[in-house]
Amino acid sequence: MLKAEGAGAAMAAVISVGLLLWLNALSNPALASDTECRSPHQGWQPCELTVQEPGRRWQVRQGSRLWQLQHDGSGIVQQREGDGRWQAVEPHWRQEGELCWGHLCARGAIPLD
């Protein structure tokens, strides 16, 4: 049985590995077209995910809204909407197949194996 801090570290490692696998999969445009996103106060809508640098920088476009995200390899993800300020967000799973960064969530083609 894992201690509480060991379980937290294990969960962070799983999220980081899942995030890296998912980002690598996004380099396939066919997968990106099957993705939906949800932001605060909006339901699920088609979105476009573009990887600028695999595992480090990507963006999410939903209609006229644009979020930029970056990951420095330490488990910390920074996010900004439009030209706003960069903010640290925690990647987390909400439901099966739904990956979120703060309040921005994506679902669809997110392979983990």
PDB file of N, CA and C in Angstrom:
ATOM      1  N   MET A   1       0.843  -1.173   0.000  1.00  0.00           N
ATOM      2  CA  MET A   1       0.000   0.000   0.000  1.00  0.00           C
ATOM      3  C   MET A   1       0.885   1.232   0.000  1.00  0.00           C
ATOM      4  N   LEU A   2       0.524   2.246  -0.798  1.00  0.00           N
ATOM      5  CA  LEU A   2       1.312   3.467  -0.885  1.00  0.00           C
ATOM      6  C   LEU A   2       0.936   4.438   0.214  1.00  0.00           C
ATOM      7  N   LYS A   3       1.913   5.145   0.735  1.00  0.00           N
ATOM      8  CA  LYS A   3       1.621   6.232   1.656  1.00  0.00           C
ATOM      9  C   LYS A   3       0.967   7.346   0.867  1.00  0.00           C
ATOM     10  N   ALA A   4       0.326   8.298   1.549  1.00  0.00           N
ATOM     11  CA  ALA A   4      -0.385   9.379   0.881  1.00  0.00           C
ATOM     12  C   ALA A   4       0.533  10.151  -0.048  1.00  0.00           C
ATOM     13  N   GLU A   5       1.743  10.493   0.416  1.00  0.00           N
ATOM     14  CA  GLU A   5       2.632  11.272  -0.450  1.00  0.00           C
ATOM     15  C   GLU A   5       3.139  10.418  -1.617  1.00  0.00           C
ATOM     16  N   GLY A   6       3.336   9.130  -1.403  1.00  0.00           N
ATOM     17  CA  GLY A   6       3.741   8.240  -2.484  1.00  0.00           C
ATOM     18  C   GLY A   6       2.647   8.119  -3.528  1.00  0.00           C
ATOM     19  N   ALA A   7       1.397   8.052  -3.081  1.00  0.00           N
ATOM     20  CA  ALA A   7       0.272   7.967  -4.004  1.00  0.00           C
ATOM     21  C   ALA A   7       0.165   9.245  -4.823  1.00  0.00           C
ATOM     22  N   GLY A   8       0.398  10.392  -4.204  1.00  0.00           N
ATOM     23  CA  GLY A   8       0.357  11.669  -4.920  1.00  0.00           C
ATOM     24  C   GLY A   8       1.432  11.747  -5.977  1.00  0.00           C
ATOM     25  N   ALA A   9       2.624  11.300  -5.652  1.00  0.00           N
ATOM     26  CA  ALA A   9       3.727  11.307  -6.619  1.00  0.00           C
ATOM     27  C   ALA A   9       3.433  10.341  -7.763  1.00  0.00           C
ATOM     28  N   ALA A  10       2.853   9.183  -7.431  1.00  0.00           N
ATOM     29  CA  ALA A  10       2.512   8.215  -8.470  1.00  0.00           C
ATOM     30  C   ALA A  10       1.452   8.779  -9.405  1.00  0.00           C
ATOM     31  N   MET A  11       0.453   9.470  -8.845  1.00  0.00           N
ATOM     32  CA  MET A  11      -0.592  10.074  -9.670  1.00  0.00           C
ATOM     33  C   MET A  11      -0.008  11.154 -10.567  1.00  0.00           C
ATOM     34  N   ALA A  12       0.900  11.972 -10.056  1.00  0.00           N
ATOM     35  CA  ALA A  12       1.538  13.018 -10.862  1.00  0.00           C
ATOM     36  C   ALA A  12       2.324  12.390 -12.007  1.00  0.00           C
ATOM     37  N   ALA A  13       2.997  11.281 -11.756  1.00  0.00           N
ATOM     38  CA  ALA A  13       3.758  10.598 -12.802  1.00  0.00           C
ATOM     39  C   ALA A  13       2.824  10.055 -13.875  1.00  0.00           C
ATOM     40  N   VAL A  14       1.696   9.470 -13.474  1.00  0.00           N
ATOM     41  CA  VAL A  14       0.729   8.938 -14.434  1.00  0.00           C
ATOM     42  C   VAL A  14       0.170  10.062 -15.292  1.00  0.00           C
ATOM     43  N   ILE A  15      -0.169  11.187 -14.671  1.00  0.00           N
ATOM     44  CA  ILE A  15      -0.697  12.329 -15.425  1.00  0.00           C
ATOM     45  C   ILE A  15       0.350  12.840 -16.397  1.00  0.00           C
ATOM     46  N   SER A  16       1.606  12.960 -15.958  1.00  0.00           N
ATOM     47  CA  SER A  16       2.665  13.453 -16.842  1.00  0.00           C
ATOM     48  C   SER A  16       2.874  12.519 -18.025  1.00  0.00           C
ATOM     49  N   VAL A  17       2.906  11.213 -17.787  1.00  0.00           N
ATOM     50  CA  VAL A  17       3.083  10.253 -18.871  1.00  0.00           C
ATOM     51  C   VAL A  17       1.883  10.316 -19.813  1.00  0.00           C
ATOM     52  N   GLY A  18       0.685  10.349 -19.261  1.00  0.00           N
ATOM     53  CA  GLY A  18      -0.520  10.447 -20.087  1.00  0.00           C
ATOM     54  C   GLY A  18      -0.519  11.709 -20.922  1.00  0.00           C
ATOM     55  N   LEU A  19      -0.108  12.815 -20.329  1.00  0.00           N
ATOM     56  CA  LEU A  19      -0.038  14.082 -21.040  1.00  0.00           C
ATOM     57  C   LEU A  19       0.947  14.001 -22.192  1.00  0.00           C
ATOM     58  N   LEU A  20       2.119  13.433 -21.970  1.00  0.00           N
ATOM     59  CA  LEU A  20       3.118  13.321 -23.034  1.00  0.00           C
ATOM     60  C   LEU A  20       2.643  12.405 -24.154  1.00  0.00           C
ATOM     61  N   LEU A  21       2.017  11.281 -23.814  1.00  0.00           N
ATOM     62  CA  LEU A  21       1.486  10.384 -24.841  1.00  0.00           C
ATOM     63  C   LEU A  21       0.399  11.071 -25.652  1.00  0.00           C
ATOM     64  N   TRP A  22      -0.456  11.795 -24.968  1.00  0.00           N
ATOM     65  CA  TRP A  22      -1.545  12.488 -25.635  1.00  0.00           C
ATOM     66  C   TRP A  22      -1.005  13.571 -26.561  1.00  0.00           C
ATOM     67  N   LEU A  23      -0.024  14.330 -26.109  1.00  0.00           N
ATOM     68  CA  LEU A  23       0.560  15.376 -26.944  1.00  0.00           C
ATOM     69  C   LEU A  23       1.225  14.784 -28.180  1.00  0.00           C
ATOM     70  N   ASN A  24       1.900  13.657 -28.041  1.00  0.00           N
ATOM     71  CA  ASN A  24       2.508  13.014 -29.207  1.00  0.00           C
ATOM     72  C   ASN A  24       1.433  12.546 -30.184  1.00  0.00           C
ATOM     73  N   ALA A  25       0.320  12.057 -29.673  1.00  0.00           N
ATOM     74  CA  ALA A  25      -0.767  11.606 -30.542  1.00  0.00           C
ATOM     75  C   ALA A  25      -1.387  12.768 -31.301  1.00  0.00           C
ATOM     76  N   LEU A  26      -1.355  13.966 -30.741  1.00  0.00           N
ATOM     77  CA  LEU A  26      -1.964  15.119 -31.397  1.00  0.00           C
ATOM     78  C   LEU A  26      -1.234  15.543 -32.658  1.00  0.00           C
ATOM     79  N   SER A  27      -0.037  15.048 -32.866  1.00  0.00           N
ATOM     80  CA  SER A  27       0.668  15.394 -34.100  1.00  0.00           C
ATOM     81  C   SER A  27      -0.003  14.736 -35.306  1.00  0.00           C
ATOM     82  N   ASN A  28      -0.945  13.824 -35.073  1.00  0.00           N
ATOM     83  CA  ASN A  28      -1.720  13.188 -36.127  1.00  0.00           C
ATOM     84  C   ASN A  28      -2.999  13.995 -36.347  1.00  0.00           C
ATOM     85  N   PRO A  29      -3.143  14.746 -37.456  1.00  0.00           N
ATOM     86  CA  PRO A  29      -4.308  15.594 -37.679  1.00  0.00           C
ATOM     87  C   PRO A  29      -5.628  14.831 -37.655  1.00  0.00           C
ATOM     88  N   ALA A  30      -5.619  13.569 -38.023  1.00  0.00           N
ATOM     89  CA  ALA A  30      -6.863  12.802 -38.011  1.00  0.00           C
ATOM     90  C   ALA A  30      -7.403  12.671 -36.595  1.00  0.00           C
ATOM     91  N   LEU A  31      -6.523  12.538 -35.614  1.00  0.00           N
ATOM     92  CA  LEU A  31      -6.971  12.447 -34.228  1.00  0.00           C
ATOM     93  C   LEU A  31      -7.486  13.782 -33.731  1.00  0.00           C
ATOM     94  N   ALA A  32      -6.805  14.868 -34.072  1.00  0.00           N
ATOM     95  CA  ALA A  32      -7.193  16.191 -33.597  1.00  0.00           C
ATOM     96  C   ALA A  32      -8.600  16.547 -34.063  1.00  0.00           C
ATOM     97  N   SER A  33      -9.028  16.067 -35.243  1.00  0.00           N
ATOM     98  CA  SER A  33     -10.337  16.421 -35.760  1.00  0.00           C
ATOM     99  C   SER A  33     -11.466  15.763 -34.972  1.00  0.00           C
ATOM    100  N   ASP A  34     -11.174  14.750 -34.186  1.00  0.00           N
ATOM    101  CA  ASP A  34     -12.183  14.056 -33.393  1.00  0.00           C
ATOM    102  C   ASP A  34     -12.213  14.546 -31.956  1.00  0.00           C
ATOM    103  N   THR A  35     -11.748  15.752 -31.700  1.00  0.00           N
ATOM    104  CA  THR A  35     -11.626  16.253 -30.347  1.00  0.00           C
ATOM    105  C   THR A  35     -12.673  17.323 -30.071  1.00  0.00           C
ATOM    106  N   GLU A  36     -13.209  17.289 -28.856  1.00  0.00           N
ATOM    107  CA  GLU A  36     -14.134  18.323 -28.383  1.00  0.00           C
ATOM    108  C   GLU A  36     -13.536  18.950 -27.135  1.00  0.00           C
ATOM    109  N   CYS A  37     -13.858  20.213 -26.922  1.00  0.00           N
ATOM    110  CA  CYS A  37     -13.366  20.924 -25.746  1.00  0.00           C
ATOM    111  C   CYS A  37     -14.521  21.609 -25.039  1.00  0.00           C
ATOM    112  N   ARG A  38     -14.285  21.871 -23.763  1.00  0.00           N
ATOM    113  CA  ARG A  38     -15.260  22.584 -22.949  1.00  0.00           C
ATOM    114  C   ARG A  38     -14.508  23.577 -22.093  1.00  0.00           C
ATOM    115  N   SER A  39     -14.992  24.786 -22.068  1.00  0.00           N
ATOM    116  CA  SER A  39     -14.432  25.812 -21.199  1.00  0.00           C
ATOM    117  C   SER A  39     -15.545  26.258 -20.256  1.00  0.00           C
ATOM    118  N   PRO A  40     -15.222  27.059 -19.243  1.00  0.00           N
ATOM    119  CA  PRO A  40     -16.251  27.453 -18.279  1.00  0.00           C
ATOM    120  C   PRO A  40     -17.483  28.058 -18.970  1.00  0.00           C
ATOM    121  N   HIS A  41     -18.631  27.664 -18.514  1.00  0.00           N
ATOM    122  CA  HIS A  41     -19.924  28.180 -18.961  1.00  0.00           C
ATOM    123  C   HIS A  41     -20.260  27.805 -20.403  1.00  0.00           C
ATOM    124  N   GLN A  42     -19.602  26.799 -20.957  1.00  0.00           N
ATOM    125  CA  GLN A  42     -19.913  26.326 -22.305  1.00  0.00           C
ATOM    126  C   GLN A  42     -19.978  24.814 -22.301  1.00  0.00           C
ATOM    127  N   GLY A  43     -20.794  24.279 -23.177  1.00  0.00           N
ATOM    128  CA  GLY A  43     -20.862  22.843 -23.342  1.00  0.00           C
ATOM    129  C   GLY A  43     -19.759  22.360 -24.271  1.00  0.00           C
ATOM    130  N   TRP A  44     -19.761  21.066 -24.547  1.00  0.00           N
ATOM    131  CA  TRP A  44     -18.771  20.469 -25.435  1.00  0.00           C
ATOM    132  C   TRP A  44     -18.963  20.976 -26.855  1.00  0.00           C
ATOM    133  N   GLN A  45     -17.857  21.394 -27.481  1.00  0.00           N
ATOM    134  CA  GLN A  45     -17.873  21.875 -28.860  1.00  0.00           C
ATOM    135  C   GLN A  45     -16.618  21.370 -29.556  1.00  0.00           C
ATOM    136  N   PRO A  46     -16.680  21.200 -30.887  1.00  0.00           N
ATOM    137  CA  PRO A  46     -15.466  20.798 -31.611  1.00  0.00           C
ATOM    138  C   PRO A  46     -14.344  21.813 -31.368  1.00  0.00           C
ATOM    139  N   CYS A  47     -13.135  21.331 -31.296  1.00  0.00           N
ATOM    140  CA  CYS A  47     -11.995  22.218 -31.114  1.00  0.00           C
ATOM    141  C   CYS A  47     -10.818  21.673 -31.912  1.00  0.00           C
ATOM    142  N   GLU A  48      -9.853  22.519 -32.102  1.00  0.00           N
ATOM    143  CA  GLU A  48      -8.647  22.143 -32.838  1.00  0.00           C
ATOM    144  C   GLU A  48      -7.460  22.226 -31.886  1.00  0.00           C
ATOM    145  N   LEU A  49      -6.717  21.144 -31.795  1.00  0.00           N
ATOM    146  CA  LEU A  49      -5.524  21.084 -30.966  1.00  0.00           C
ATOM    147  C   LEU A  49      -4.312  21.046 -31.881  1.00  0.00           C
ATOM    148  N   THR A  50      -3.381  21.942 -31.656  1.00  0.00           N
ATOM    149  CA  THR A  50      -2.192  22.025 -32.500  1.00  0.00           C
ATOM    150  C   THR A  50      -0.958  21.922 -31.625  1.00  0.00           C
ATOM    151  N   VAL A  51      -0.103  20.966 -31.932  1.00  0.00           N
ATOM    152  CA  VAL A  51       1.152  20.813 -31.195  1.00  0.00           C
ATOM    153  C   VAL A  51       2.213  21.645 -31.906  1.00  0.00           C
ATOM    154  N   GLN A  52       2.806  22.564 -31.176  1.00  0.00           N
ATOM    155  CA  GLN A  52       3.871  23.395 -31.724  1.00  0.00           C
ATOM    156  C   GLN A  52       5.230  22.793 -31.440  1.00  0.00           C
ATOM    157  N   GLU A  53       5.350  22.148 -30.283  1.00  0.00           N
ATOM    158  CA  GLU A  53       6.584  21.460 -29.891  1.00  0.00           C
ATOM    159  C   GLU A  53       6.167  20.280 -29.023  1.00  0.00           C
ATOM    160  N   PRO A  54       6.230  19.054 -29.548  1.00  0.00           N
ATOM    161  CA  PRO A  54       5.713  17.882 -28.821  1.00  0.00           C
ATOM    162  C   PRO A  54       6.207  17.806 -27.377  1.00  0.00           C
ATOM    163  N   GLY A  55       5.231  17.647 -26.470  1.00  0.00           N
ATOM    164  CA  GLY A  55       5.544  17.519 -25.054  1.00  0.00           C
ATOM    165  C   GLY A  55       5.832  18.825 -24.350  1.00  0.00           C
ATOM    166  N   ARG A  56       5.893  19.949 -25.087  1.00  0.00           N
ATOM    167  CA  ARG A  56       6.262  21.222 -24.460  1.00  0.00           C
ATOM    168  C   ARG A  56       5.270  22.347 -24.733  1.00  0.00           C
ATOM    169  N   ARG A  57       4.829  22.504 -25.971  1.00  0.00           N
ATOM    170  CA  ARG A  57       3.948  23.633 -26.296  1.00  0.00           C
ATOM    171  C   ARG A  57       2.841  23.179 -27.238  1.00  0.00           C
ATOM    172  N   TRP A  58       1.605  23.584 -26.934  1.00  0.00           N
ATOM    173  CA  TRP A  58       0.478  23.277 -27.778  1.00  0.00           C
ATOM    174  C   TRP A  58      -0.580  24.347 -27.586  1.00  0.00           C
ATOM    175  N   GLN A  59      -1.575  24.350 -28.455  1.00  0.00           N
ATOM    176  CA  GLN A  59      -2.654  25.319 -28.325  1.00  0.00           C
ATOM    177  C   GLN A  59      -3.985  24.665 -28.630  1.00  0.00           C
ATOM    178  N   VAL A  60      -5.033  25.250 -28.079  1.00  0.00           N
ATOM    179  CA  VAL A  60      -6.397  24.788 -28.278  1.00  0.00           C
ATOM    180  C   VAL A  60      -7.178  25.962 -28.860  1.00  0.00           C
ATOM    181  N   ARG A  61      -7.831  25.721 -29.992  1.00  0.00           N
ATOM    182  CA  ARG A  61      -8.663  26.753 -30.611  1.00  0.00           C
ATOM    183  C   ARG A  61     -10.092  26.231 -30.651  1.00  0.00           C
ATOM    184  N   GLN A  62     -10.994  27.054 -30.135  1.00  0.00           N
ATOM    185  CA  GLN A  62     -12.412  26.711 -30.133  1.00  0.00           C
ATOM    186  C   GLN A  62     -13.156  27.953 -30.609  1.00  0.00           C
ATOM    187  N   GLY A  63     -13.591  27.914 -31.863  1.00  0.00           N
ATOM    188  CA  GLY A  63     -14.211  29.101 -32.445  1.00  0.00           C
ATOM    189  C   GLY A  63     -13.188  30.228 -32.511  1.00  0.00           C
ATOM    190  N   SER A  64     -13.526  31.379 -31.937  1.00  0.00           N
ATOM    191  CA  SER A  64     -12.608  32.529 -31.948  1.00  0.00           C
ATOM    192  C   SER A  64     -11.700  32.565 -30.718  1.00  0.00           C
ATOM    193  N   ARG A  65     -11.854  31.607 -29.818  1.00  0.00           N
ATOM    194  CA  ARG A  65     -11.040  31.587 -28.592  1.00  0.00           C
ATOM    195  C   ARG A  65      -9.796  30.726 -28.790  1.00  0.00           C
ATOM    196  N   LEU A  66      -8.692  31.186 -28.204  1.00  0.00           N
ATOM    197  CA  LEU A  66      -7.417  30.479 -28.319  1.00  0.00           C
ATOM    198  C   LEU A  66      -6.764  30.388 -26.950  1.00  0.00           C
ATOM    199  N   TRP A  67      -6.366  29.167 -26.574  1.00  0.00           N
ATOM    200  CA  TRP A  67      -5.596  28.936 -25.357  1.00  0.00           C
ATOM    201  C   TRP A  67      -4.233  28.413 -25.751  1.00  0.00           C
ATOM    202  N   GLN A  68      -3.198  28.952 -25.170  1.00  0.00           N
ATOM    203  CA  GLN A  68      -1.847  28.442 -25.368  1.00  0.00           C
ATOM    204  C   GLN A  68      -1.448  27.744 -24.082  1.00  0.00           C
ATOM    205  N   LEU A  69      -0.775  26.604 -24.234  1.00  0.00           N
ATOM    206  CA  LEU A  69      -0.321  25.842 -23.077  1.00  0.00           C
ATOM    207  C   LEU A  69       1.131  25.471 -23.270  1.00  0.00           C
ATOM    208  N   GLN A  70       1.856  25.422 -22.169  1.00  0.00           N
ATOM    209  CA  GLN A  70       3.250  24.991 -22.226  1.00  0.00           C
ATOM    210  C   GLN A  70       3.569  24.178 -20.984  1.00  0.00           C
ATOM    211  N   HIS A  71       4.459  23.208 -21.173  1.00  0.00           N
ATOM    212  CA  HIS A  71       4.838  22.264 -20.122  1.00  0.00           C
ATOM    213  C   HIS A  71       6.354  22.242 -20.069  1.00  0.00           C
ATOM    214  N   ASP A  72       6.932  22.421 -18.886  1.00  0.00           N
ATOM    215  CA  ASP A  72       8.390  22.493 -18.779  1.00  0.00           C
ATOM    216  C   ASP A  72       9.034  21.168 -18.380  1.00  0.00           C
ATOM    217  N   GLY A  73       8.241  20.100 -18.324  1.00  0.00           N
ATOM    218  CA  GLY A  73       8.776  18.791 -17.978  1.00  0.00           C
ATOM    219  C   GLY A  73       8.733  18.486 -16.488  1.00  0.00           C
ATOM    220  N   SER A  74       8.416  19.471 -15.670  1.00  0.00           N
ATOM    221  CA  SER A  74       8.382  19.268 -14.221  1.00  0.00           C
ATOM    222  C   SER A  74       6.997  18.888 -13.716  1.00  0.00           C
ATOM    223  N   GLY A  75       6.017  18.828 -14.608  1.00  0.00           N
ATOM    224  CA  GLY A  75       4.645  18.561 -14.196  1.00  0.00           C
ATOM    225  C   GLY A  75       3.823  19.834 -14.115  1.00  0.00           C
ATOM    226  N   ILE A  76       4.461  20.989 -14.256  1.00  0.00           N
ATOM    227  CA  ILE A  76       3.751  22.270 -14.210  1.00  0.00           C
ATOM    228  C   ILE A  76       3.367  22.671 -15.624  1.00  0.00           C
ATOM    229  N   VAL A  77       2.094  22.962 -15.808  1.00  0.00           N
ATOM    230  CA  VAL A  77       1.590  23.425 -17.095  1.00  0.00           C
ATOM    231  C   VAL A  77       1.164  24.875 -16.925  1.00  0.00           C
ATOM    232  N   GLN A  78       1.597  25.720 -17.849  1.00  0.00           N
ATOM    233  CA  GLN A  78       1.201  27.123 -17.882  1.00  0.00           C
ATOM    234  C   GLN A  78       0.188  27.296 -19.001  1.00  0.00           C
ATOM    235  N   GLN A  79      -0.821  28.117 -18.764  1.00  0.00           N
ATOM    236  CA  GLN A  79      -1.873  28.321 -19.749  1.00  0.00           C
ATOM    237  C   GLN A  79      -2.222  29.802 -19.813  1.00  0.00           C
ATOM    238  N   ARG A  80      -2.567  30.267 -21.010  1.00  0.00           N
ATOM    239  CA  ARG A  80      -3.124  31.615 -21.131  1.00  0.00           C
ATOM    240  C   ARG A  80      -4.154  31.616 -22.237  1.00  0.00           C
ATOM    241  N   GLU A  81      -5.154  32.441 -22.050  1.00  0.00           N
ATOM    242  CA  GLU A  81      -6.178  32.605 -23.077  1.00  0.00           C
ATOM    243  C   GLU A  81      -5.905  33.897 -23.821  1.00  0.00           C
ATOM    244  N   GLY A  82      -5.868  33.814 -25.145  1.00  0.00           N
ATOM    245  CA  GLY A  82      -5.589  34.988 -25.970  1.00  0.00           C
ATOM    246  C   GLY A  82      -4.249  35.606 -25.597  1.00  0.00           C
ATOM    247  N   ASP A  83      -4.266  36.906 -25.321  1.00  0.00           N
ATOM    248  CA  ASP A  83      -3.047  37.614 -24.921  1.00  0.00           C
ATOM    249  C   ASP A  83      -2.974  37.814 -23.415  1.00  0.00           C
ATOM    250  N   GLY A  84      -3.781  37.044 -22.670  1.00  0.00           N
ATOM    251  CA  GLY A  84      -3.819  37.178 -21.215  1.00  0.00           C
ATOM    252  C   GLY A  84      -2.529  36.739 -20.540  1.00  0.00           C
ATOM    253  N   ARG A  85      -2.553  36.772 -19.233  1.00  0.00           N
ATOM    254  CA  ARG A  85      -1.386  36.377 -18.426  1.00  0.00           C
ATOM    255  C   ARG A  85      -1.253  34.864 -18.399  1.00  0.00           C
ATOM    256  N   TRP A  86      -0.009  34.396 -18.319  1.00  0.00           N
ATOM    257  CA  TRP A  86       0.249  32.973 -18.119  1.00  0.00           C
ATOM    258  C   TRP A  86      -0.120  32.629 -16.689  1.00  0.00           C
ATOM    259  N   GLN A  87      -0.807  31.488 -16.529  1.00  0.00           N
ATOM    260  CA  GLN A  87      -1.197  31.003 -15.208  1.00  0.00           C
ATOM    261  C   GLN A  87      -0.865  29.524 -15.103  1.00  0.00           C
ATOM    262  N   ALA A  88      -0.412  29.121 -13.934  1.00  0.00           N
ATOM    263  CA  ALA A  88      -0.161  27.700 -13.697  1.00  0.00           C
ATOM    264  C   ALA A  88      -1.510  26.993 -13.561  1.00  0.00           C
ATOM    265  N   VAL A  89      -1.657  25.873 -14.262  1.00  0.00           N
ATOM    266  CA  VAL A  89      -2.859  25.053 -14.154  1.00  0.00           C
ATOM    267  C   VAL A  89      -2.423  23.619 -13.902  1.00  0.00           C
ATOM    268  N   GLU A  90      -3.274  22.877 -13.261  1.00  0.00           N
ATOM    269  CA  GLU A  90      -2.944  21.491 -12.958  1.00  0.00           C
ATOM    270  C   GLU A  90      -3.682  20.566 -13.918  1.00  0.00           C
ATOM    271  N   PRO A  91      -2.935  19.773 -14.681  1.00  0.00           N
ATOM    272  CA  PRO A  91      -3.624  18.801 -15.537  1.00  0.00           C
ATOM    273  C   PRO A  91      -4.259  17.720 -14.667  1.00  0.00           C
ATOM    274  N   HIS A  92      -5.488  17.336 -15.003  1.00  0.00           N
ATOM    275  CA  HIS A  92      -6.171  16.302 -14.235  1.00  0.00           C
ATOM    276  C   HIS A  92      -7.239  15.634 -15.095  1.00  0.00           C
ATOM    277  N   TRP A  93      -7.578  14.422 -14.707  1.00  0.00           N
ATOM    278  CA  TRP A  93      -8.637  13.670 -15.369  1.00  0.00           C
ATOM    279  C   TRP A  93      -9.925  13.912 -14.607  1.00  0.00           C
ATOM    280  N   ARG A  94     -10.999  14.290 -15.313  1.00  0.00           N
ATOM    281  CA  ARG A  94     -12.298  14.482 -14.666  1.00  0.00           C
ATOM    282  C   ARG A  94     -13.149  13.222 -14.778  1.00  0.00           C
ATOM    283  N   GLN A  95     -13.225  12.671 -15.938  1.00  0.00           N
ATOM    284  CA  GLN A  95     -13.966  11.446 -16.187  1.00  0.00           C
ATOM    285  C   GLN A  95     -13.141  10.636 -17.162  1.00  0.00           C
ATOM    286  N   GLU A  96     -13.573   9.427 -17.406  1.00  0.00           N
ATOM    287  CA  GLU A  96     -12.824   8.589 -18.349  1.00  0.00           C
ATOM    288  C   GLU A  96     -12.713   9.302 -19.694  1.00  0.00           C
ATOM    289  N   GLY A  97     -11.478   9.521 -20.141  1.00  0.00           N
ATOM    290  CA  GLY A  97     -11.245  10.142 -21.439  1.00  0.00           C
ATOM    291  C   GLY A  97     -11.362  11.647 -21.477  1.00  0.00           C
ATOM    292  N   GLU A  98     -11.463  12.302 -20.335  1.00  0.00           N
ATOM    293  CA  GLU A  98     -11.619  13.761 -20.292  1.00  0.00           C
ATOM    294  C   GLU A  98     -10.427  14.366 -19.554  1.00  0.00           C
ATOM    295  N   LEU A  99      -9.512  14.980 -20.293  1.00  0.00           N
ATOM    296  CA  LEU A  99      -8.316  15.590 -19.720  1.00  0.00           C
ATOM    297  C   LEU A  99      -8.512  17.095 -19.604  1.00  0.00           C
ATOM    298  N   CYS A 100      -8.214  17.645 -18.434  1.00  0.00           N
ATOM    299  CA  CYS A 100      -8.421  19.073 -18.186  1.00  0.00           C
ATOM    300  C   CYS A 100      -7.121  19.731 -17.747  1.00  0.00           C
ATOM    301  N   TRP A 101      -7.034  21.003 -18.057  1.00  0.00           N
ATOM    302  CA  TRP A 101      -5.974  21.888 -17.572  1.00  0.00           C
ATOM    303  C   TRP A 101      -6.704  23.052 -16.942  1.00  0.00           C
ATOM    304  N   GLY A 102      -6.773  23.064 -15.614  1.00  0.00           N
ATOM    305  CA  GLY A 102      -7.613  24.071 -14.971  1.00  0.00           C
ATOM    306  C   GLY A 102      -9.056  23.820 -15.374  1.00  0.00           C
ATOM    307  N   HIS A 103      -9.716  24.849 -15.938  1.00  0.00           N
ATOM    308  CA  HIS A 103     -11.124  24.728 -16.321  1.00  0.00           C
ATOM    309  C   HIS A 103     -11.324  24.361 -17.793  1.00  0.00           C
ATOM    310  N   LEU A 104     -10.251  24.280 -18.562  1.00  0.00           N
ATOM    311  CA  LEU A 104     -10.332  23.902 -19.977  1.00  0.00           C
ATOM    312  C   LEU A 104     -10.174  22.394 -20.069  1.00  0.00           C
ATOM    313  N   CYS A 105     -11.144  21.729 -20.701  1.00  0.00           N
ATOM    314  CA  CYS A 105     -11.124  20.268 -20.805  1.00  0.00           C
ATOM    315  C   CYS A 105     -11.240  19.832 -22.252  1.00  0.00           C
ATOM    316  N   ALA A 106     -10.653  18.676 -22.559  1.00  0.00           N
ATOM    317  CA  ALA A 106     -10.721  18.086 -23.890  1.00  0.00           C
ATOM    318  C   ALA A 106     -11.099  16.617 -23.755  1.00  0.00           C
ATOM    319  N   ARG A 107     -11.812  16.122 -24.761  1.00  0.00           N
ATOM    320  CA  ARG A 107     -12.141  14.699 -24.809  1.00  0.00           C
ATOM    321  C   ARG A 107     -12.161  14.270 -26.269  1.00  0.00           C
ATOM    322  N   GLY A 108     -12.084  12.993 -26.448  1.00  0.00           N
ATOM    323  CA  GLY A 108     -12.076  12.445 -27.805  1.00  0.00           C
ATOM    324  C   GLY A 108     -10.871  11.555 -27.976  1.00  0.00           C
ATOM    325  N   ALA A 109     -10.134  11.784 -29.036  1.00  0.00           N
ATOM    326  CA  ALA A 109      -8.992  10.941 -29.366  1.00  0.00           C
ATOM    327  C   ALA A 109      -7.804  11.270 -28.461  1.00  0.00           C
ATOM    328  N   ILE A 110      -7.803  10.661 -27.273  1.00  0.00           N
ATOM    329  CA  ILE A 110      -6.712  10.859 -26.295  1.00  0.00           C
ATOM    330  C   ILE A 110      -6.171   9.479 -25.923  1.00  0.00           C
ATOM    331  N   PRO A 111      -5.392   8.860 -26.787  1.00  0.00           N
ATOM    332  CA  PRO A 111      -4.905   7.513 -26.501  1.00  0.00           C
ATOM    333  C   PRO A 111      -3.835   7.499 -25.410  1.00  0.00           C
ATOM    334  N   LEU A 112      -3.902   6.503 -24.552  1.00  0.00           N
ATOM    335  CA  LEU A 112      -2.922   6.377 -23.470  1.00  0.00           C
ATOM    336  C   LEU A 112      -2.173   5.053 -23.522  1.00  0.00           C
ATOM    337  N   ASP A 113      -2.379   4.257 -24.556  1.00  0.00           N
ATOM    338  CA  ASP A 113      -1.657   2.981 -24.630  1.00  0.00           C
ATOM    339  C   ASP A 113      -1.019   2.803 -25.983  1.00  0.00           C
TER     340      ASP A 113
END
